[in-house]
Amino acid sequence: AVVSTQSTGIYIRFDESDWSFTEDRLRKCFTDIEAWMARSFLKLNPSKTELLFISTRSDKSANVVKPGDKVNLTSSMTAVTTNAAIVDPKNAARNLGVIFDDKLTMKAHISKIVRECNYVLHNLRRIGKMLSKDHKILLVNALIHSKLDYCNGLFAGLDKVDIARLQKIQNAAVRFVFGTRQWRGVTNLRKQLHFIPVDLR
């Protein structure tokens, strides 16, 4: 289970049979964080707290708490009940700009990268004729490769289909640099630019 409270994360490993004990541990951690923030003149926002249950991709069983269920992270010993944290488990949660799903397939995060890069490339093509090749390379490195490379260690071992989606983005960036059409192969062009393929980055 992963509980993210704004910039603070709680990570707890447990088996399904231990959920009751784990739920108590989560409540205690949440209460301790809330107390520490109160002493530091900070306020915890329960509405921004996300709960994510992560299991292996081979595990086909349902999680002990499904999306739509409610988990109360406020300790029964807490005097203030008006700030109760009733958390709805999510299928995916964001941490440091990366979207983690409950099977760690990273599909949601890859879709986000593809969507953002396509938007950037669409805008770059509109001004491409006014840019030199060197300027195009600088823009691709700054705006495209920075997104492809961010936390890319998490992509190790992912499905080839998902890696291919990211490679298509880099291929489109290479075509933008050279001003070539979509149907033209880019392997030799990519080598000329010394761009490392996505699966080797």
C-alpha atoms as a PDB file:
ATOM      1  CA  ALA A   1       0.000   0.000   0.000  1.00  0.00           C
ATOM      2  CA  VAL A   2       1.202   3.482  -0.778  1.00  0.00           C
ATOM      3  CA  VAL A   3      -0.297   6.501   0.931  1.00  0.00           C
ATOM      4  CA  SER A   4       0.765   9.877  -0.420  1.00  0.00           C
ATOM      5  CA  THR A   5      -0.037  12.913   1.691  1.00  0.00           C
ATOM      6  CA  GLN A   6       0.996  15.861  -0.435  1.00  0.00           C
ATOM      7  CA  SER A   7       4.826  15.548  -0.579  1.00  0.00           C
ATOM      8  CA  THR A   8       5.018  12.781   2.067  1.00  0.00           C
ATOM      9  CA  GLY A   9       4.719   9.098   1.191  1.00  0.00           C
ATOM     10  CA  ILE A  10       4.074   6.063   3.379  1.00  0.00           C
ATOM     11  CA  TYR A  11       5.002   2.652   1.966  1.00  0.00           C
ATOM     12  CA  ILE A  12       3.828  -0.510   3.751  1.00  0.00           C
ATOM     13  CA  ARG A  13       4.194  -4.106   2.573  1.00  0.00           C
ATOM     14  CA  PHE A  14       1.506  -6.525   3.726  1.00  0.00           C
ATOM     15  CA  ASP A  15      -0.371  -9.708   2.858  1.00  0.00           C
ATOM     16  CA  GLU A  16      -4.126  -9.770   2.365  1.00  0.00           C
ATOM     17  CA  SER A  17      -4.600 -11.602   5.673  1.00  0.00           C
ATOM     18  CA  ASP A  18      -2.819  -8.762   7.508  1.00  0.00           C
ATOM     19  CA  TRP A  19      -5.033  -5.933   6.241  1.00  0.00           C
ATOM     20  CA  SER A  20      -6.660  -5.178   9.613  1.00  0.00           C
ATOM     21  CA  PHE A  21      -3.259  -4.831  11.292  1.00  0.00           C
ATOM     22  CA  THR A  22      -1.951  -2.781   8.356  1.00  0.00           C
ATOM     23  CA  GLU A  23      -4.961  -0.461   8.478  1.00  0.00           C
ATOM     24  CA  ASP A  24      -4.150   0.286  12.122  1.00  0.00           C
ATOM     25  CA  ARG A  25      -0.521   1.027  11.173  1.00  0.00           C
ATOM     26  CA  LEU A  26      -1.686   3.423   8.461  1.00  0.00           C
ATOM     27  CA  ARG A  27      -3.927   5.239  10.914  1.00  0.00           C
ATOM     28  CA  LYS A  28      -1.085   5.602  13.409  1.00  0.00           C
ATOM     29  CA  CYS A  29       1.314   6.916  10.733  1.00  0.00           C
ATOM     30  CA  PHE A  30      -1.301   9.337   9.458  1.00  0.00           C
ATOM     31  CA  THR A  31      -2.028  10.580  12.981  1.00  0.00           C
ATOM     32  CA  ASP A  32       1.703  11.054  13.688  1.00  0.00           C
ATOM     33  CA  ILE A  33       2.165  13.044  10.474  1.00  0.00           C
ATOM     34  CA  GLU A  34      -0.859  15.186  11.264  1.00  0.00           C
ATOM     35  CA  ALA A  35       0.478  15.878  14.783  1.00  0.00           C
ATOM     36  CA  TRP A  36       3.957  16.762  13.471  1.00  0.00           C
ATOM     37  CA  MET A  37       2.467  19.163  10.926  1.00  0.00           C
ATOM     38  CA  ALA A  38       0.332  20.785  13.625  1.00  0.00           C
ATOM     39  CA  ARG A  39       3.435  21.358  15.775  1.00  0.00           C
ATOM     40  CA  SER A  40       5.107  22.936  12.729  1.00  0.00           C
ATOM     41  CA  PHE A  41       2.107  25.232  12.156  1.00  0.00           C
ATOM     42  CA  LEU A  42       1.127  23.321   9.027  1.00  0.00           C
ATOM     43  CA  LYS A  43      -2.224  21.827   8.075  1.00  0.00           C
ATOM     44  CA  LEU A  44      -2.714  18.439   6.499  1.00  0.00           C
ATOM     45  CA  ASN A  45      -5.206  18.389   3.640  1.00  0.00           C
ATOM     46  CA  PRO A  46      -6.956  14.978   3.676  1.00  0.00           C
ATOM     47  CA  SER A  47      -8.604  15.703   0.312  1.00  0.00           C
ATOM     48  CA  LYS A  48      -5.155  15.541  -1.330  1.00  0.00           C
ATOM     49  CA  THR A  49      -4.256  12.223   0.284  1.00  0.00           C
ATOM     50  CA  GLU A  50      -4.154   9.291  -2.156  1.00  0.00           C
ATOM     51  CA  LEU A  51      -4.215   5.586  -1.325  1.00  0.00           C
ATOM     52  CA  LEU A  52      -2.867   3.056  -3.829  1.00  0.00           C
ATOM     53  CA  PHE A  53      -2.637  -0.721  -3.456  1.00  0.00           C
ATOM     54  CA  ILE A  54       0.124  -2.222  -5.602  1.00  0.00           C
ATOM     55  CA  SER A  55       0.419  -5.907  -6.485  1.00  0.00           C
ATOM     56  CA  THR A  56       2.372  -7.897  -9.059  1.00  0.00           C
ATOM     57  CA  ARG A  57       1.177  -8.051 -12.657  1.00  0.00           C
ATOM     58  CA  SER A  58       0.704 -11.799 -12.350  1.00  0.00           C
ATOM     59  CA  ASP A  59      -1.636 -11.377  -9.378  1.00  0.00           C
ATOM     60  CA  LYS A  60      -5.159 -11.494 -10.814  1.00  0.00           C
ATOM     61  CA  SER A  61      -6.952 -11.380  -7.470  1.00  0.00           C
ATOM     62  CA  ALA A  62      -8.819  -8.262  -6.433  1.00  0.00           C
ATOM     63  CA  ASN A  63      -7.247  -5.904  -3.912  1.00  0.00           C
ATOM     64  CA  VAL A  64      -8.492  -6.082  -0.336  1.00  0.00           C
ATOM     65  CA  VAL A  65      -9.860  -2.551  -0.753  1.00  0.00           C
ATOM     66  CA  LYS A  66     -11.276  -1.671  -4.151  1.00  0.00           C
ATOM     67  CA  PRO A  67     -11.645   1.765  -5.766  1.00  0.00           C
ATOM     68  CA  GLY A  68     -14.919   3.185  -4.501  1.00  0.00           C
ATOM     69  CA  ASP A  69     -14.452   1.768  -0.987  1.00  0.00           C
ATOM     70  CA  LYS A  70     -13.587   4.154   1.809  1.00  0.00           C
ATOM     71  CA  VAL A  71     -10.703   3.925   4.272  1.00  0.00           C
ATOM     72  CA  ASN A  72     -10.713   6.043   7.414  1.00  0.00           C
ATOM     73  CA  LEU A  73      -7.139   7.026   8.248  1.00  0.00           C
ATOM     74  CA  THR A  74      -8.092   9.016  11.353  1.00  0.00           C
ATOM     75  CA  SER A  75      -7.243   7.263  14.595  1.00  0.00           C
ATOM     76  CA  SER A  76     -10.093   6.550  16.980  1.00  0.00           C
ATOM     77  CA  MET A  77      -7.921   8.139  19.693  1.00  0.00           C
ATOM     78  CA  THR A  78      -7.873  11.477  17.878  1.00  0.00           C
ATOM     79  CA  ALA A  79      -9.906  14.112  19.659  1.00  0.00           C
ATOM     80  CA  VAL A  80     -10.565  16.190  16.548  1.00  0.00           C
ATOM     81  CA  THR A  81     -13.005  14.286  14.336  1.00  0.00           C
ATOM     82  CA  THR A  82     -13.904  17.139  11.998  1.00  0.00           C
ATOM     83  CA  ASN A  83     -10.622  16.595  10.095  1.00  0.00           C
ATOM     84  CA  ALA A  84     -11.207  12.909   9.490  1.00  0.00           C
ATOM     85  CA  ALA A  85      -9.371  11.548   6.487  1.00  0.00           C
ATOM     86  CA  ILE A  86     -11.762   9.339   4.544  1.00  0.00           C
ATOM     87  CA  VAL A  87      -9.652   8.148   1.621  1.00  0.00           C
ATOM     88  CA  ASP A  88     -10.918   6.558  -1.572  1.00  0.00           C
ATOM     89  CA  PRO A  89      -8.337   4.075  -2.976  1.00  0.00           C
ATOM     90  CA  LYS A  90      -7.176   4.917  -6.491  1.00  0.00           C
ATOM     91  CA  ASN A  91      -6.194   2.868  -9.538  1.00  0.00           C
ATOM     92  CA  ALA A  92      -3.243   5.231 -10.019  1.00  0.00           C
ATOM     93  CA  ALA A  93      -1.445   7.884  -8.004  1.00  0.00           C
ATOM     94  CA  ARG A  94       1.113  10.565  -8.851  1.00  0.00           C
ATOM     95  CA  ASN A  95       4.451  10.820  -7.064  1.00  0.00           C
ATOM     96  CA  LEU A  96       7.175  13.285  -8.110  1.00  0.00           C
ATOM     97  CA  GLY A  97       5.441  13.745 -11.455  1.00  0.00           C
ATOM     98  CA  VAL A  98       5.285  10.001 -12.189  1.00  0.00           C
ATOM     99  CA  ILE A  99       1.940   8.199 -12.384  1.00  0.00           C
ATOM    100  CA  PHE A 100       2.038   4.779 -10.714  1.00  0.00           C
ATOM    101  CA  ASP A 101      -0.781   2.311 -11.347  1.00  0.00           C
ATOM    102  CA  ASP A 102      -1.781  -0.632  -9.175  1.00  0.00           C
ATOM    103  CA  LYS A 103       0.182  -3.154 -11.292  1.00  0.00           C
ATOM    104  CA  LEU A 104       3.181  -0.901 -12.020  1.00  0.00           C
ATOM    105  CA  THR A 105       2.642  -1.257 -15.771  1.00  0.00           C
ATOM    106  CA  MET A 106       3.388   2.484 -16.158  1.00  0.00           C
ATOM    107  CA  LYS A 107       0.816   2.649 -18.970  1.00  0.00           C
ATOM    108  CA  ALA A 108      -0.881   5.736 -17.529  1.00  0.00           C
ATOM    109  CA  HIS A 109       2.454   7.522 -17.170  1.00  0.00           C
ATOM    110  CA  ILE A 110       3.532   6.599 -20.708  1.00  0.00           C
ATOM    111  CA  SER A 111       0.216   7.875 -22.065  1.00  0.00           C
ATOM    112  CA  LYS A 112       0.854  11.156 -20.259  1.00  0.00           C
ATOM    113  CA  ILE A 113       4.342  11.445 -21.791  1.00  0.00           C
ATOM    114  CA  VAL A 114       3.054  10.657 -25.285  1.00  0.00           C
ATOM    115  CA  ARG A 115       0.252  13.201 -24.973  1.00  0.00           C
ATOM    116  CA  GLU A 116       2.561  15.969 -23.736  1.00  0.00           C
ATOM    117  CA  CYS A 117       5.277  15.274 -26.329  1.00  0.00           C
ATOM    118  CA  ASN A 118       2.786  15.197 -29.200  1.00  0.00           C
ATOM    119  CA  TYR A 119       1.474  18.574 -28.073  1.00  0.00           C
ATOM    120  CA  VAL A 120       5.016  20.004 -27.966  1.00  0.00           C
ATOM    121  CA  LEU A 121       5.912  18.578 -31.394  1.00  0.00           C
ATOM    122  CA  HIS A 122       2.692  19.958 -32.878  1.00  0.00           C
ATOM    123  CA  ASN A 123       3.683  23.457 -31.762  1.00  0.00           C
ATOM    124  CA  LEU A 124       7.304  23.035 -32.845  1.00  0.00           C
ATOM    125  CA  ARG A 125       6.270  22.057 -36.381  1.00  0.00           C
ATOM    126  CA  ARG A 126       4.442  25.356 -36.701  1.00  0.00           C
ATOM    127  CA  ILE A 127       7.721  27.270 -36.325  1.00  0.00           C
ATOM    128  CA  GLY A 128      10.050  24.627 -37.773  1.00  0.00           C
ATOM    129  CA  LYS A 129      10.715  26.523 -41.013  1.00  0.00           C
ATOM    130  CA  MET A 130      12.098  29.453 -39.040  1.00  0.00           C
ATOM    131  CA  LEU A 131      14.570  27.335 -37.056  1.00  0.00           C
ATOM    132  CA  SER A 132      18.020  26.075 -37.963  1.00  0.00           C
ATOM    133  CA  LYS A 133      18.907  22.417 -37.519  1.00  0.00           C
ATOM    134  CA  ASP A 134      21.008  23.187 -34.434  1.00  0.00           C
ATOM    135  CA  HIS A 135      18.135  25.071 -32.841  1.00  0.00           C
ATOM    136  CA  LYS A 136      15.784  22.175 -33.563  1.00  0.00           C
ATOM    137  CA  ILE A 137      18.165  19.744 -31.866  1.00  0.00           C
ATOM    138  CA  LEU A 138      18.377  21.997 -28.819  1.00  0.00           C
ATOM    139  CA  LEU A 139      14.587  22.175 -28.602  1.00  0.00           C
ATOM    140  CA  VAL A 140      14.171  18.415 -29.003  1.00  0.00           C
ATOM    141  CA  ASN A 141      16.695  17.747 -26.234  1.00  0.00           C
ATOM    142  CA  ALA A 142      15.119  20.325 -23.937  1.00  0.00           C
ATOM    143  CA  LEU A 143      11.439  19.605 -24.557  1.00  0.00           C
ATOM    144  CA  ILE A 144      11.213  15.992 -25.772  1.00  0.00           C
ATOM    145  CA  HIS A 145      14.190  14.030 -24.476  1.00  0.00           C
ATOM    146  CA  SER A 146      13.815  15.616 -21.050  1.00  0.00           C
ATOM    147  CA  LYS A 147      10.354  14.034 -20.803  1.00  0.00           C
ATOM    148  CA  LEU A 148      11.475  10.680 -22.233  1.00  0.00           C
ATOM    149  CA  ASP A 149      14.440  10.504 -19.856  1.00  0.00           C
ATOM    150  CA  TYR A 150      12.730  11.600 -16.653  1.00  0.00           C
ATOM    151  CA  CYS A 151      12.667   8.612 -14.265  1.00  0.00           C
ATOM    152  CA  ASN A 152      13.161   6.308 -17.267  1.00  0.00           C
ATOM    153  CA  GLY A 153      14.702   3.663 -15.014  1.00  0.00           C
ATOM    154  CA  LEU A 154      11.095   2.799 -14.147  1.00  0.00           C
ATOM    155  CA  PHE A 155      10.597   1.637 -17.745  1.00  0.00           C
ATOM    156  CA  ALA A 156      12.975  -1.324 -17.351  1.00  0.00           C
ATOM    157  CA  GLY A 157      11.197  -4.590 -18.083  1.00  0.00           C
ATOM    158  CA  LEU A 158       8.043  -2.998 -19.487  1.00  0.00           C
ATOM    159  CA  ASP A 159       6.128  -4.409 -22.440  1.00  0.00           C
ATOM    160  CA  LYS A 160       7.740  -3.746 -25.813  1.00  0.00           C
ATOM    161  CA  VAL A 161       4.463  -2.262 -27.018  1.00  0.00           C
ATOM    162  CA  ASP A 162       4.699   0.506 -24.417  1.00  0.00           C
ATOM    163  CA  ILE A 163       8.374   1.198 -25.172  1.00  0.00           C
ATOM    164  CA  ALA A 164       7.469   1.382 -28.871  1.00  0.00           C
ATOM    165  CA  ARG A 165       4.999   4.196 -28.096  1.00  0.00           C
ATOM    166  CA  LEU A 166       7.863   6.228 -26.625  1.00  0.00           C
ATOM    167  CA  GLN A 167      10.124   5.347 -29.562  1.00  0.00           C
ATOM    168  CA  LYS A 168       7.522   6.739 -31.959  1.00  0.00           C
ATOM    169  CA  ILE A 169       7.808  10.055 -30.147  1.00  0.00           C
ATOM    170  CA  GLN A 170      11.564  10.129 -30.627  1.00  0.00           C
ATOM    171  CA  ASN A 171      11.148   9.123 -34.290  1.00  0.00           C
ATOM    172  CA  ALA A 172       8.728  12.026 -34.763  1.00  0.00           C
ATOM    173  CA  ALA A 173      11.287  14.350 -33.148  1.00  0.00           C
ATOM    174  CA  VAL A 174      13.986  13.128 -35.569  1.00  0.00           C
ATOM    175  CA  ARG A 175      11.691  13.805 -38.523  1.00  0.00           C
ATOM    176  CA  PHE A 176      11.046  17.278 -37.133  1.00  0.00           C
ATOM    177  CA  VAL A 177      14.793  17.992 -37.024  1.00  0.00           C
ATOM    178  CA  PHE A 178      15.318  16.889 -40.628  1.00  0.00           C
ATOM    179  CA  GLY A 179      11.941  18.046 -41.945  1.00  0.00           C
ATOM    180  CA  THR A 180      11.181  14.629 -43.470  1.00  0.00           C
ATOM    181  CA  ARG A 181       7.823  13.009 -44.082  1.00  0.00           C
ATOM    182  CA  GLN A 182       6.200  10.592 -41.675  1.00  0.00           C
ATOM    183  CA  TRP A 183       6.644   7.484 -43.828  1.00  0.00           C
ATOM    184  CA  ARG A 184      10.440   7.793 -44.114  1.00  0.00           C
ATOM    185  CA  GLY A 185      12.610   5.548 -41.923  1.00  0.00           C
ATOM    186  CA  VAL A 186      14.606   7.325 -39.239  1.00  0.00           C
ATOM    187  CA  THR A 187      17.243   4.810 -38.099  1.00  0.00           C
ATOM    188  CA  ASN A 188      20.091   6.349 -40.088  1.00  0.00           C
ATOM    189  CA  LEU A 189      18.875   9.876 -39.357  1.00  0.00           C
ATOM    190  CA  ARG A 190      18.791   9.106 -35.640  1.00  0.00           C
ATOM    191  CA  LYS A 191      22.374   7.846 -35.791  1.00  0.00           C
ATOM    192  CA  GLN A 192      23.454  11.067 -37.478  1.00  0.00           C
ATOM    193  CA  LEU A 193      22.039  13.003 -34.537  1.00  0.00           C
ATOM    194  CA  HIS A 194      23.617  10.585 -32.019  1.00  0.00           C
ATOM    195  CA  PHE A 195      20.205  10.053 -30.415  1.00  0.00           C
ATOM    196  CA  ILE A 196      20.178   6.888 -28.319  1.00  0.00           C
ATOM    197  CA  PRO A 197      17.038   4.746 -28.876  1.00  0.00           C
ATOM    198  CA  VAL A 198      14.495   4.825 -26.061  1.00  0.00           C
ATOM    199  CA  ASP A 199      15.055   1.223 -24.978  1.00  0.00           C
ATOM    200  CA  LEU A 200      18.783   1.887 -24.517  1.00  0.00           C
ATOM    201  CA  ARG A 201      18.584   5.241 -22.775  1.00  0.00           C
END
